[in-house]
Amino acid sequence: MLLAVLVIAAVVYVAPWGGGAYMRFKAAQIRAQLESYHKAHGKYPISLADIPRLSVNGPIHYQRDFNSPEVYYLWYGTGFGTVEEYDSKSRTWHGPR
């Protein structure tokens, strides 16, 4: 019984980390394609749909800063009402918040 409680507690505690690592991995793939697009076109795309062969099958969102087209944001949900966000200007992840 104690072993079952410990296993369940470990899964509940560690599971969010695994999901976050997977989402960051997928976001890193998108970032690489965004940088490749930027290198070829001199700007970031308005939408991820502008990048050929990019398949986004998940809840990763993209937004280019329209005031500064050299800046974009990627984010995904980490729980109820919280997100983890990548800022291309600072090249850092922020969150969850």
Protein backbone atom coordinates (compact mmCIF):
# COMPACT_ATOMS: atom_id res chain seq x y z
CA MET A 1 0.00 0.00 0.00
CA LEU A 2 2.79 2.41 0.93
CA LEU A 3 4.63 1.56 -2.28
CA ALA A 4 1.51 2.34 -4.35
CA VAL A 5 1.15 5.73 -2.64
CA LEU A 6 4.81 6.54 -3.29
CA VAL A 7 4.54 5.55 -6.97
CA ILE A 8 1.40 7.64 -7.48
CA ALA A 9 2.97 10.61 -5.72
CA ALA A 10 6.11 10.32 -7.86
CA VAL A 11 4.08 10.17 -11.08
CA VAL A 12 1.98 13.20 -10.09
CA TYR A 13 5.12 15.14 -9.11
CA VAL A 14 7.26 14.20 -12.15
CA ALA A 15 4.60 14.06 -14.92
CA PRO A 16 4.42 17.84 -15.47
CA TRP A 17 8.19 17.96 -16.00
CA GLY A 18 8.00 15.34 -18.74
CA GLY A 19 5.25 17.26 -20.53
CA GLY A 20 7.20 20.50 -20.25
CA ALA A 21 10.34 18.89 -21.62
CA TYR A 22 8.42 17.50 -24.59
CA MET A 23 6.80 20.87 -25.31
CA ARG A 24 10.17 22.64 -25.11
CA PHE A 25 11.60 20.05 -27.52
CA LYS A 26 8.77 20.70 -29.99
CA ALA A 27 9.17 24.46 -29.51
CA ALA A 28 12.92 24.15 -30.20
CA GLN A 29 12.09 22.52 -33.53
CA ILE A 30 9.75 25.39 -34.37
CA ARG A 31 12.36 27.95 -33.29
CA ALA A 32 14.91 26.36 -35.63
CA GLN A 33 12.47 26.64 -38.53
CA LEU A 34 11.64 30.23 -37.58
CA GLU A 35 15.33 31.14 -37.59
CA SER A 36 15.80 29.41 -40.94
CA TYR A 37 12.84 31.37 -42.37
CA HIS A 38 14.29 34.59 -40.94
CA LYS A 39 17.66 33.89 -42.53
CA ALA A 40 16.05 33.27 -45.94
CA HIS A 41 13.51 36.15 -45.88
CA GLY A 42 15.04 38.76 -43.56
CA LYS A 43 12.02 38.73 -41.24
CA TYR A 44 9.96 36.36 -39.15
CA PRO A 45 6.70 35.03 -40.63
CA ILE A 46 3.37 36.54 -39.68
CA SER A 47 2.01 33.04 -39.09
CA LEU A 48 3.46 29.55 -38.72
CA ALA A 49 1.38 28.66 -41.78
CA ASP A 50 3.85 30.75 -43.81
CA ILE A 51 6.58 28.16 -43.19
CA PRO A 52 6.46 25.29 -45.70
CA ARG A 53 6.69 21.77 -44.29
CA LEU A 54 6.06 22.92 -40.72
CA SER A 55 3.56 20.68 -39.03
CA VAL A 56 2.23 22.00 -35.76
CA ASN A 57 0.18 19.27 -34.16
CA GLY A 58 -0.02 20.59 -30.69
CA PRO A 59 -0.84 23.46 -28.47
CA ILE A 60 2.23 25.59 -29.21
CA HIS A 61 1.25 29.12 -30.18
CA TYR A 62 3.24 31.71 -32.11
CA GLN A 63 2.94 35.46 -32.36
CA ARG A 64 5.19 37.92 -34.11
CA ASP A 65 5.47 41.31 -32.44
CA PHE A 66 3.94 43.71 -34.98
CA ASN A 67 5.69 46.73 -33.45
CA SER A 68 9.04 45.00 -33.78
CA PRO A 69 9.01 42.34 -36.52
CA GLU A 70 12.38 41.06 -35.26
CA VAL A 71 10.70 39.73 -32.11
CA TYR A 72 8.37 36.76 -31.70
CA TYR A 73 6.85 34.72 -28.90
CA LEU A 74 6.11 31.03 -28.55
CA TRP A 75 3.99 29.73 -25.70
CA TYR A 76 2.05 26.72 -24.50
CA GLY A 77 -0.26 25.97 -21.60
CA THR A 78 1.26 24.40 -18.52
CA GLY A 79 -1.89 24.05 -16.48
CA PHE A 80 -5.12 25.80 -15.71
CA GLY A 81 -4.56 29.43 -16.63
CA THR A 82 -0.74 29.28 -16.78
CA VAL A 83 1.66 29.36 -19.71
CA GLU A 84 5.35 29.01 -20.39
CA GLU A 85 6.57 31.57 -22.93
CA TYR A 86 9.68 31.97 -25.08
CA ASP A 87 10.79 35.52 -25.86
CA SER A 88 13.03 35.73 -28.94
CA LYS A 89 14.36 39.15 -27.93
CA SER A 90 15.88 37.89 -24.69
CA ARG A 91 16.13 34.30 -26.00
CA THR A 92 14.79 33.00 -22.70
CA TRP A 93 11.85 30.99 -21.42
CA HIS A 94 9.55 32.56 -18.85
CA GLY A 95 6.99 30.72 -16.82
CA PRO A 96 4.90 29.09 -15.86
CA ARG A 97 2.81 32.11 -15.07
